[in-house]
């Protein structure tokens, strides 16, 4: 199965990525391309290696083999903070907000990774420190407004409704001004209305901010109506890739989700 071969330049180019843990191959020779300005989904059954794949891209795990290039720059060997500085932001399956901080403060933490003030500036309260704090607070205000959370600005993150906590995590990631954002199951636990709001937000991230989006997601309705291209993993191996209707009707995908001999109609109902 080949990687994306469209005419739009790739912002993310993954070649032959492989990772084993003991005798288990979690990601197996995966080649994957993300076009600039795309909204791409990575799907697969539980245990397919999707989150491990994201962890390899973002430097949490080191691969056994393969390369990951962002806008032509090799990322293998970089620490997660260096990958973030290169232009990749991400969210996680489980919400990782600072619960004892306000919504605004959570976003300011994300923004601080892009500011120039040093630890010594913070200790001495230099002009550079105060300028950085103002910029971080202004970025937080803009991001809260962008994701529709302005009213929660001074509220502790733990007090926000679940769907809004998900949005806050996305806003914090966006505060790093990424070129590419990786969303790991952003719709997990959301009700249908929250999922529709999320879909609109993801489109705005691409259309209004110019940030390319890759998401792991189990909500097939969201995936099929939002994605421009879909890659399917099963037991760490890429088994399908293409447009939503192509992936939905791929027998290999139906077998991975529903077992050998699954009817196309059954998967189609789940995917629509």
C-alpha atoms as a PDB file:
ATOM      1  CA  UNK A   1       0.000   0.000   0.000  1.00  0.00           C
ATOM      2  CA  UNK A   2       1.564   3.278  -1.090  1.00  0.00           C
ATOM      3  CA  UNK A   3       1.514   6.594   0.719  1.00  0.00           C
ATOM      4  CA  UNK A   4      -0.342   9.704  -0.389  1.00  0.00           C
ATOM      5  CA  UNK A   5       0.589  10.609  -3.973  1.00  0.00           C
ATOM      6  CA  UNK A   6      -1.376  13.801  -4.661  1.00  0.00           C
ATOM      7  CA  UNK A   7      -0.014  16.996  -6.191  1.00  0.00           C
ATOM      8  CA  UNK A   8      -0.060  19.017  -2.936  1.00  0.00           C
ATOM      9  CA  UNK A   9       3.352  19.076  -1.182  1.00  0.00           C
ATOM     10  CA  UNK A  10       3.682  16.876   1.883  1.00  0.00           C
ATOM     11  CA  UNK A  11       4.108  18.602   5.222  1.00  0.00           C
ATOM     12  CA  UNK A  12       4.649  15.245   6.969  1.00  0.00           C
ATOM     13  CA  UNK A  13       6.481  12.406   5.256  1.00  0.00           C
ATOM     14  CA  UNK A  14       6.839   9.143   7.176  1.00  0.00           C
ATOM     15  CA  UNK A  15       8.850   6.353   5.583  1.00  0.00           C
ATOM     16  CA  UNK A  16       9.028   2.697   6.702  1.00  0.00           C
ATOM     17  CA  UNK A  17       8.412   3.481  10.372  1.00  0.00           C
ATOM     18  CA  UNK A  18       8.877   0.401  12.555  1.00  0.00           C
ATOM     19  CA  UNK A  19       8.752  -0.147  16.321  1.00  0.00           C
ATOM     20  CA  UNK A  20       8.898  -3.354  18.327  1.00  0.00           C
ATOM     21  CA  UNK A  21       8.446  -3.925  22.039  1.00  0.00           C
ATOM     22  CA  UNK A  22      10.059  -7.230  22.923  1.00  0.00           C
ATOM     23  CA  UNK A  23       8.555  -9.710  20.497  1.00  0.00           C
ATOM     24  CA  UNK A  24       5.602  -7.484  19.585  1.00  0.00           C
ATOM     25  CA  UNK A  25       5.722  -5.336  16.462  1.00  0.00           C
ATOM     26  CA  UNK A  26       3.571  -2.324  17.346  1.00  0.00           C
ATOM     27  CA  UNK A  27       4.200  -0.380  14.124  1.00  0.00           C
ATOM     28  CA  UNK A  28       5.274  -2.356  11.087  1.00  0.00           C
ATOM     29  CA  UNK A  29       7.004  -0.632   8.154  1.00  0.00           C
ATOM     30  CA  UNK A  30       4.413   2.145   7.859  1.00  0.00           C
ATOM     31  CA  UNK A  31       4.787   4.746   5.113  1.00  0.00           C
ATOM     32  CA  UNK A  32       2.448   7.709   5.444  1.00  0.00           C
ATOM     33  CA  UNK A  33       2.157  11.126   3.841  1.00  0.00           C
ATOM     34  CA  UNK A  34       0.161  14.166   4.915  1.00  0.00           C
ATOM     35  CA  UNK A  35      -0.457  16.932   2.356  1.00  0.00           C
ATOM     36  CA  UNK A  36      -0.082  20.539   3.413  1.00  0.00           C
ATOM     37  CA  UNK A  37      -3.458  21.850   4.566  1.00  0.00           C
ATOM     38  CA  UNK A  38      -5.112  18.446   4.757  1.00  0.00           C
ATOM     39  CA  UNK A  39      -7.416  16.826   7.298  1.00  0.00           C
ATOM     40  CA  UNK A  40      -6.305  13.212   7.515  1.00  0.00           C
ATOM     41  CA  UNK A  41      -7.545  10.394   9.763  1.00  0.00           C
ATOM     42  CA  UNK A  42      -5.751   7.325  11.073  1.00  0.00           C
ATOM     43  CA  UNK A  43      -8.184   4.603  12.099  1.00  0.00           C
ATOM     44  CA  UNK A  44      -8.101   0.973  13.111  1.00  0.00           C
ATOM     45  CA  UNK A  45      -9.387  -1.441  15.755  1.00  0.00           C
ATOM     46  CA  UNK A  46      -8.232  -1.181  19.362  1.00  0.00           C
ATOM     47  CA  UNK A  47      -4.603  -2.220  19.644  1.00  0.00           C
ATOM     48  CA  UNK A  48      -3.854  -1.375  16.005  1.00  0.00           C
ATOM     49  CA  UNK A  49      -0.816   0.745  16.908  1.00  0.00           C
ATOM     50  CA  UNK A  50      -2.342   4.171  16.254  1.00  0.00           C
ATOM     51  CA  UNK A  51      -1.208   5.947  19.429  1.00  0.00           C
ATOM     52  CA  UNK A  52       2.216   4.302  19.205  1.00  0.00           C
ATOM     53  CA  UNK A  53       2.422   5.727  15.686  1.00  0.00           C
ATOM     54  CA  UNK A  54       1.751   9.228  17.044  1.00  0.00           C
ATOM     55  CA  UNK A  55       4.288   8.646  19.829  1.00  0.00           C
ATOM     56  CA  UNK A  56       6.940   7.806  17.236  1.00  0.00           C
ATOM     57  CA  UNK A  57       6.183  10.926  15.211  1.00  0.00           C
ATOM     58  CA  UNK A  58       6.392  13.167  18.281  1.00  0.00           C
ATOM     59  CA  UNK A  59       9.599  11.718  19.736  1.00  0.00           C
ATOM     60  CA  UNK A  60       8.093   9.962  22.751  1.00  0.00           C
ATOM     61  CA  UNK A  61       9.362   6.662  21.340  1.00  0.00           C
ATOM     62  CA  UNK A  62      12.422   6.130  19.161  1.00  0.00           C
ATOM     63  CA  UNK A  63      11.710   3.897  16.143  1.00  0.00           C
ATOM     64  CA  UNK A  64      13.745   0.832  15.307  1.00  0.00           C
ATOM     65  CA  UNK A  65      13.730   1.903  11.683  1.00  0.00           C
ATOM     66  CA  UNK A  66      12.339   4.591   9.420  1.00  0.00           C
ATOM     67  CA  UNK A  67      12.214   8.350   9.039  1.00  0.00           C
ATOM     68  CA  UNK A  68       9.823  11.178   9.941  1.00  0.00           C
ATOM     69  CA  UNK A  69      10.200  14.483   8.101  1.00  0.00           C
ATOM     70  CA  UNK A  70       8.252  17.670   8.771  1.00  0.00           C
ATOM     71  CA  UNK A  71       8.467  20.085   5.836  1.00  0.00           C
ATOM     72  CA  UNK A  72      11.645  18.267   4.797  1.00  0.00           C
ATOM     73  CA  UNK A  73      13.309  18.301   8.224  1.00  0.00           C
ATOM     74  CA  UNK A  74      14.189  14.947   9.797  1.00  0.00           C
ATOM     75  CA  UNK A  75      12.683  14.571  13.268  1.00  0.00           C
ATOM     76  CA  UNK A  76      14.046  11.192  14.301  1.00  0.00           C
ATOM     77  CA  UNK A  77      16.423  11.662  17.226  1.00  0.00           C
ATOM     78  CA  UNK A  78      14.744  14.836  18.497  1.00  0.00           C
ATOM     79  CA  UNK A  79      13.226  15.085  21.970  1.00  0.00           C
ATOM     80  CA  UNK A  80       9.456  15.705  22.228  1.00  0.00           C
ATOM     81  CA  UNK A  81      10.039  19.372  23.096  1.00  0.00           C
ATOM     82  CA  UNK A  82      12.280  19.727  20.041  1.00  0.00           C
ATOM     83  CA  UNK A  83       9.627  18.110  17.843  1.00  0.00           C
ATOM     84  CA  UNK A  84       7.110  20.601  19.240  1.00  0.00           C
ATOM     85  CA  UNK A  85       9.495  23.462  18.532  1.00  0.00           C
ATOM     86  CA  UNK A  86       9.835  22.186  14.941  1.00  0.00           C
ATOM     87  CA  UNK A  87       6.089  22.648  14.487  1.00  0.00           C
ATOM     88  CA  UNK A  88       4.106  19.584  15.657  1.00  0.00           C
ATOM     89  CA  UNK A  89       1.539  19.898  18.453  1.00  0.00           C
ATOM     90  CA  UNK A  90      -0.615  17.095  19.802  1.00  0.00           C
ATOM     91  CA  UNK A  91      -3.355  16.117  22.198  1.00  0.00           C
ATOM     92  CA  UNK A  92      -3.745  12.783  23.982  1.00  0.00           C
ATOM     93  CA  UNK A  93      -6.394  10.090  24.420  1.00  0.00           C
ATOM     94  CA  UNK A  94      -6.708  10.986  28.096  1.00  0.00           C
ATOM     95  CA  UNK A  95      -7.123  14.675  28.872  1.00  0.00           C
ATOM     96  CA  UNK A  96      -3.890  16.106  30.282  1.00  0.00           C
ATOM     97  CA  UNK A  97      -4.854  19.538  31.501  1.00  0.00           C
ATOM     98  CA  UNK A  98      -3.444  21.212  34.602  1.00  0.00           C
ATOM     99  CA  UNK A  99      -6.624  20.848  36.641  1.00  0.00           C
ATOM    100  CA  UNK A 100      -5.619  23.313  39.356  1.00  0.00           C
ATOM    101  CA  UNK A 101      -4.900  26.059  36.802  1.00  0.00           C
ATOM    102  CA  UNK A 102      -7.468  28.225  35.057  1.00  0.00           C
ATOM    103  CA  UNK A 103      -8.372  27.769  31.411  1.00  0.00           C
ATOM    104  CA  UNK A 104      -6.323  30.851  30.595  1.00  0.00           C
ATOM    105  CA  UNK A 105      -3.294  29.617  32.544  1.00  0.00           C
ATOM    106  CA  UNK A 106      -3.387  26.241  30.780  1.00  0.00           C
ATOM    107  CA  UNK A 107      -3.069  27.966  27.413  1.00  0.00           C
ATOM    108  CA  UNK A 108      -0.361  30.289  28.718  1.00  0.00           C
ATOM    109  CA  UNK A 109       1.688  27.213  29.635  1.00  0.00           C
ATOM    110  CA  UNK A 110       1.447  26.057  26.032  1.00  0.00           C
ATOM    111  CA  UNK A 111       2.456  29.464  24.731  1.00  0.00           C
ATOM    112  CA  UNK A 112       5.466  29.761  27.033  1.00  0.00           C
ATOM    113  CA  UNK A 113       7.262  27.113  24.983  1.00  0.00           C
ATOM    114  CA  UNK A 114       7.442  29.666  22.146  1.00  0.00           C
ATOM    115  CA  UNK A 115       8.595  32.662  24.193  1.00  0.00           C
ATOM    116  CA  UNK A 116      12.137  33.909  24.724  1.00  0.00           C
ATOM    117  CA  UNK A 117      12.104  34.807  28.419  1.00  0.00           C
ATOM    118  CA  UNK A 118      14.540  32.695  30.439  1.00  0.00           C
ATOM    119  CA  UNK A 119      14.311  31.255  33.935  1.00  0.00           C
ATOM    120  CA  UNK A 120      16.562  34.099  35.125  1.00  0.00           C
ATOM    121  CA  UNK A 121      14.170  36.625  33.546  1.00  0.00           C
ATOM    122  CA  UNK A 122      11.346  35.065  35.571  1.00  0.00           C
ATOM    123  CA  UNK A 123      13.349  35.186  38.812  1.00  0.00           C
ATOM    124  CA  UNK A 124      14.389  38.807  38.290  1.00  0.00           C
ATOM    125  CA  UNK A 125      11.069  39.898  36.762  1.00  0.00           C
ATOM    126  CA  UNK A 126      12.848  41.589  33.888  1.00  0.00           C
ATOM    127  CA  UNK A 127      11.158  43.534  31.117  1.00  0.00           C
ATOM    128  CA  UNK A 128      11.546  40.491  28.881  1.00  0.00           C
ATOM    129  CA  UNK A 129       9.639  38.396  31.410  1.00  0.00           C
ATOM    130  CA  UNK A 130       6.764  40.883  31.617  1.00  0.00           C
ATOM    131  CA  UNK A 131       6.616  41.200  27.819  1.00  0.00           C
ATOM    132  CA  UNK A 132       6.446  37.412  27.511  1.00  0.00           C
ATOM    133  CA  UNK A 133       3.679  37.195  30.101  1.00  0.00           C
ATOM    134  CA  UNK A 134       1.643  39.778  28.221  1.00  0.00           C
ATOM    135  CA  UNK A 135       2.100  37.910  24.963  1.00  0.00           C
ATOM    136  CA  UNK A 136       1.167  34.595  26.566  1.00  0.00           C
ATOM    137  CA  UNK A 137      -1.970  36.098  28.121  1.00  0.00           C
ATOM    138  CA  UNK A 138      -2.985  37.706  24.830  1.00  0.00           C
ATOM    139  CA  UNK A 139      -2.473  34.419  22.983  1.00  0.00           C
ATOM    140  CA  UNK A 140      -4.599  32.661  25.608  1.00  0.00           C
ATOM    141  CA  UNK A 141      -7.378  35.205  25.107  1.00  0.00           C
ATOM    142  CA  UNK A 142      -7.281  34.728  21.331  1.00  0.00           C
ATOM    143  CA  UNK A 143      -7.248  30.925  21.571  1.00  0.00           C
ATOM    144  CA  UNK A 144     -10.078  30.824  24.115  1.00  0.00           C
ATOM    145  CA  UNK A 145     -12.159  32.948  21.780  1.00  0.00           C
ATOM    146  CA  UNK A 146     -11.220  30.787  18.794  1.00  0.00           C
ATOM    147  CA  UNK A 147     -12.429  27.557  20.443  1.00  0.00           C
ATOM    148  CA  UNK A 148     -15.476  29.222  22.010  1.00  0.00           C
ATOM    149  CA  UNK A 149     -14.350  29.112  25.636  1.00  0.00           C
ATOM    150  CA  UNK A 150     -13.997  32.803  26.482  1.00  0.00           C
ATOM    151  CA  UNK A 151     -16.566  32.543  29.271  1.00  0.00           C
ATOM    152  CA  UNK A 152     -14.386  29.951  31.047  1.00  0.00           C
ATOM    153  CA  UNK A 153     -11.250  32.111  31.019  1.00  0.00           C
ATOM    154  CA  UNK A 154     -10.845  32.383  34.805  1.00  0.00           C
ATOM    155  CA  UNK A 155     -12.395  29.018  35.692  1.00  0.00           C
ATOM    156  CA  UNK A 156     -10.311  26.076  36.897  1.00  0.00           C
ATOM    157  CA  UNK A 157      -9.843  23.585  34.083  1.00  0.00           C
ATOM    158  CA  UNK A 158     -11.278  20.760  36.186  1.00  0.00           C
ATOM    159  CA  UNK A 159     -14.603  22.631  36.435  1.00  0.00           C
ATOM    160  CA  UNK A 160     -15.172  22.842  32.690  1.00  0.00           C
ATOM    161  CA  UNK A 161     -17.673  20.449  31.057  1.00  0.00           C
ATOM    162  CA  UNK A 162     -15.985  17.413  29.527  1.00  0.00           C
ATOM    163  CA  UNK A 163     -16.367  18.521  25.910  1.00  0.00           C
ATOM    164  CA  UNK A 164     -14.965  21.949  26.763  1.00  0.00           C
ATOM    165  CA  UNK A 165     -11.961  20.352  28.467  1.00  0.00           C
ATOM    166  CA  UNK A 166     -11.255  18.626  25.161  1.00  0.00           C
ATOM    167  CA  UNK A 167     -11.458  21.979  23.375  1.00  0.00           C
ATOM    168  CA  UNK A 168      -9.182  23.571  25.972  1.00  0.00           C
ATOM    169  CA  UNK A 169      -6.552  20.928  25.349  1.00  0.00           C
ATOM    170  CA  UNK A 170      -6.738  21.675  21.623  1.00  0.00           C
ATOM    171  CA  UNK A 171      -6.448  25.419  22.336  1.00  0.00           C
ATOM    172  CA  UNK A 172      -3.335  24.818  24.448  1.00  0.00           C
ATOM    173  CA  UNK A 173      -1.766  22.829  21.613  1.00  0.00           C
ATOM    174  CA  UNK A 174      -2.624  25.571  19.118  1.00  0.00           C
ATOM    175  CA  UNK A 175      -0.944  28.165  21.357  1.00  0.00           C
ATOM    176  CA  UNK A 176       2.400  26.698  20.243  1.00  0.00           C
ATOM    177  CA  UNK A 177       1.606  27.935  16.691  1.00  0.00           C
ATOM    178  CA  UNK A 178       2.130  24.535  15.075  1.00  0.00           C
ATOM    179  CA  UNK A 179       2.334  23.687  11.412  1.00  0.00           C
ATOM    180  CA  UNK A 180       0.674  20.323  12.119  1.00  0.00           C
ATOM    181  CA  UNK A 181      -1.572  19.180  14.964  1.00  0.00           C
ATOM    182  CA  UNK A 182      -2.107  15.533  15.914  1.00  0.00           C
ATOM    183  CA  UNK A 183      -5.411  14.863  17.684  1.00  0.00           C
ATOM    184  CA  UNK A 184      -5.639  11.515  19.490  1.00  0.00           C
ATOM    185  CA  UNK A 185      -9.326  10.551  19.770  1.00  0.00           C
ATOM    186  CA  UNK A 186     -10.587  14.124  20.204  1.00  0.00           C
ATOM    187  CA  UNK A 187     -14.253  13.038  20.123  1.00  0.00           C
ATOM    188  CA  UNK A 188     -13.883  10.348  22.813  1.00  0.00           C
ATOM    189  CA  UNK A 189     -16.669  10.697  25.373  1.00  0.00           C
ATOM    190  CA  UNK A 190     -18.456  13.479  23.501  1.00  0.00           C
ATOM    191  CA  UNK A 191     -22.179  13.550  22.847  1.00  0.00           C
ATOM    192  CA  UNK A 192     -23.471  14.116  19.275  1.00  0.00           C
ATOM    193  CA  UNK A 193     -23.807  17.886  19.675  1.00  0.00           C
ATOM    194  CA  UNK A 194     -20.283  18.185  21.080  1.00  0.00           C
ATOM    195  CA  UNK A 195     -18.982  16.045  18.218  1.00  0.00           C
ATOM    196  CA  UNK A 196     -20.590  18.340  15.639  1.00  0.00           C
ATOM    197  CA  UNK A 197     -19.013  21.342  17.369  1.00  0.00           C
ATOM    198  CA  UNK A 198     -15.659  19.545  17.280  1.00  0.00           C
ATOM    199  CA  UNK A 199     -16.020  18.861  13.554  1.00  0.00           C
ATOM    200  CA  UNK A 200     -16.611  22.555  12.904  1.00  0.00           C
ATOM    201  CA  UNK A 201     -13.625  23.473  15.095  1.00  0.00           C
ATOM    202  CA  UNK A 202     -11.286  21.104  13.242  1.00  0.00           C
ATOM    203  CA  UNK A 203     -12.306  22.633   9.923  1.00  0.00           C
ATOM    204  CA  UNK A 204     -11.645  26.107  11.342  1.00  0.00           C
ATOM    205  CA  UNK A 205      -8.211  25.004  12.556  1.00  0.00           C
ATOM    206  CA  UNK A 206      -7.342  24.114   8.967  1.00  0.00           C
ATOM    207  CA  UNK A 207      -9.242  26.846   7.140  1.00  0.00           C
ATOM    208  CA  UNK A 208      -8.711  29.822   9.470  1.00  0.00           C
ATOM    209  CA  UNK A 209      -5.357  29.044  11.074  1.00  0.00           C
ATOM    210  CA  UNK A 210      -3.767  27.141   8.186  1.00  0.00           C
ATOM    211  CA  UNK A 211      -2.795  24.235  10.445  1.00  0.00           C
ATOM    212  CA  UNK A 212      -2.744  20.741   8.940  1.00  0.00           C
ATOM    213  CA  UNK A 213      -4.701  18.179  10.987  1.00  0.00           C
ATOM    214  CA  UNK A 214      -4.159  14.458  11.553  1.00  0.00           C
ATOM    215  CA  UNK A 215      -6.541  12.679  13.884  1.00  0.00           C
ATOM    216  CA  UNK A 216      -6.925   9.243  15.384  1.00  0.00           C
ATOM    217  CA  UNK A 217     -10.606   8.579  15.870  1.00  0.00           C
ATOM    218  CA  UNK A 218     -13.074   5.758  16.508  1.00  0.00           C
ATOM    219  CA  UNK A 219     -16.192   7.766  15.654  1.00  0.00           C
ATOM    220  CA  UNK A 220     -16.708   6.575  12.082  1.00  0.00           C
ATOM    221  CA  UNK A 221     -19.405   9.137  11.347  1.00  0.00           C
ATOM    222  CA  UNK A 222     -16.956  11.911  12.203  1.00  0.00           C
ATOM    223  CA  UNK A 223     -14.118  10.286  10.280  1.00  0.00           C
ATOM    224  CA  UNK A 224     -16.106   9.679   7.115  1.00  0.00           C
ATOM    225  CA  UNK A 225     -17.639  13.160   6.964  1.00  0.00           C
ATOM    226  CA  UNK A 226     -14.526  15.135   7.938  1.00  0.00           C
ATOM    227  CA  UNK A 227     -11.515  13.362   6.473  1.00  0.00           C
ATOM    228  CA  UNK A 228     -10.049  14.039   3.053  1.00  0.00           C
ATOM    229  CA  UNK A 229      -7.928  10.895   3.213  1.00  0.00           C
ATOM    230  CA  UNK A 230      -7.882   7.941   5.616  1.00  0.00           C
ATOM    231  CA  UNK A 231      -5.155   5.507   6.604  1.00  0.00           C
ATOM    232  CA  UNK A 232      -6.097   2.242   8.320  1.00  0.00           C
ATOM    233  CA  UNK A 233      -3.778   0.350  10.667  1.00  0.00           C
ATOM    234  CA  UNK A 234      -4.315  -3.189  11.932  1.00  0.00           C
ATOM    235  CA  UNK A 235      -1.809  -4.876  14.252  1.00  0.00           C
ATOM    236  CA  UNK A 236       0.671  -2.111  13.405  1.00  0.00           C
ATOM    237  CA  UNK A 237       0.458  -2.624   9.632  1.00  0.00           C
ATOM    238  CA  UNK A 238      -1.124  -0.261   7.125  1.00  0.00           C
ATOM    239  CA  UNK A 239      -3.868  -2.266   5.436  1.00  0.00           C
ATOM    240  CA  UNK A 240      -5.693   0.466   3.519  1.00  0.00           C
ATOM    241  CA  UNK A 241      -5.403   4.091   2.473  1.00  0.00           C
ATOM    242  CA  UNK A 242      -7.538   6.353   0.337  1.00  0.00           C
ATOM    243  CA  UNK A 243     -10.637   8.491   0.105  1.00  0.00           C
ATOM    244  CA  UNK A 244     -13.382   7.836   2.674  1.00  0.00           C
ATOM    245  CA  UNK A 245     -15.616   5.881   0.285  1.00  0.00           C
ATOM    246  CA  UNK A 246     -12.673   3.774  -0.860  1.00  0.00           C
ATOM    247  CA  UNK A 247     -11.675   2.858   2.683  1.00  0.00           C
ATOM    248  CA  UNK A 248     -15.278   2.224   3.745  1.00  0.00           C
ATOM    249  CA  UNK A 249     -15.704  -0.329   0.953  1.00  0.00           C
ATOM    250  CA  UNK A 250     -12.308  -2.014   1.315  1.00  0.00           C
ATOM    251  CA  UNK A 251     -12.767  -5.715   2.229  1.00  0.00           C
ATOM    252  CA  UNK A 252      -9.547  -5.656   4.271  1.00  0.00           C
ATOM    253  CA  UNK A 253     -10.967  -2.871   6.445  1.00  0.00           C
ATOM    254  CA  UNK A 254     -14.281  -4.654   6.902  1.00  0.00           C
ATOM    255  CA  UNK A 255     -12.439  -7.799   7.943  1.00  0.00           C
ATOM    256  CA  UNK A 256     -10.256  -5.893  10.436  1.00  0.00           C
ATOM    257  CA  UNK A 257     -13.280  -4.300  12.092  1.00  0.00           C
ATOM    258  CA  UNK A 258     -15.906  -7.025  11.827  1.00  0.00           C
ATOM    259  CA  UNK A 259     -14.013 -10.251  11.224  1.00  0.00           C
ATOM    260  CA  UNK A 260     -13.586 -12.499   8.232  1.00  0.00           C
ATOM    261  CA  UNK A 261     -16.679 -12.772   6.080  1.00  0.00           C
ATOM    262  CA  UNK A 262     -18.169  -9.470   7.284  1.00  0.00           C
ATOM    263  CA  UNK A 263     -20.796  -7.973   5.019  1.00  0.00           C
ATOM    264  CA  UNK A 264     -20.078  -4.644   3.373  1.00  0.00           C
ATOM    265  CA  UNK A 265     -23.510  -3.435   4.378  1.00  0.00           C
ATOM    266  CA  UNK A 266     -22.793  -3.943   8.087  1.00  0.00           C
ATOM    267  CA  UNK A 267     -19.639  -1.845   8.011  1.00  0.00           C
ATOM    268  CA  UNK A 268     -21.299   0.737   5.815  1.00  0.00           C
ATOM    269  CA  UNK A 269     -24.009   1.244   8.445  1.00  0.00           C
ATOM    270  CA  UNK A 270     -21.397   1.768  11.138  1.00  0.00           C
ATOM    271  CA  UNK A 271     -19.317   4.115   8.982  1.00  0.00           C
ATOM    272  CA  UNK A 272     -22.157   6.353   7.793  1.00  0.00           C
END
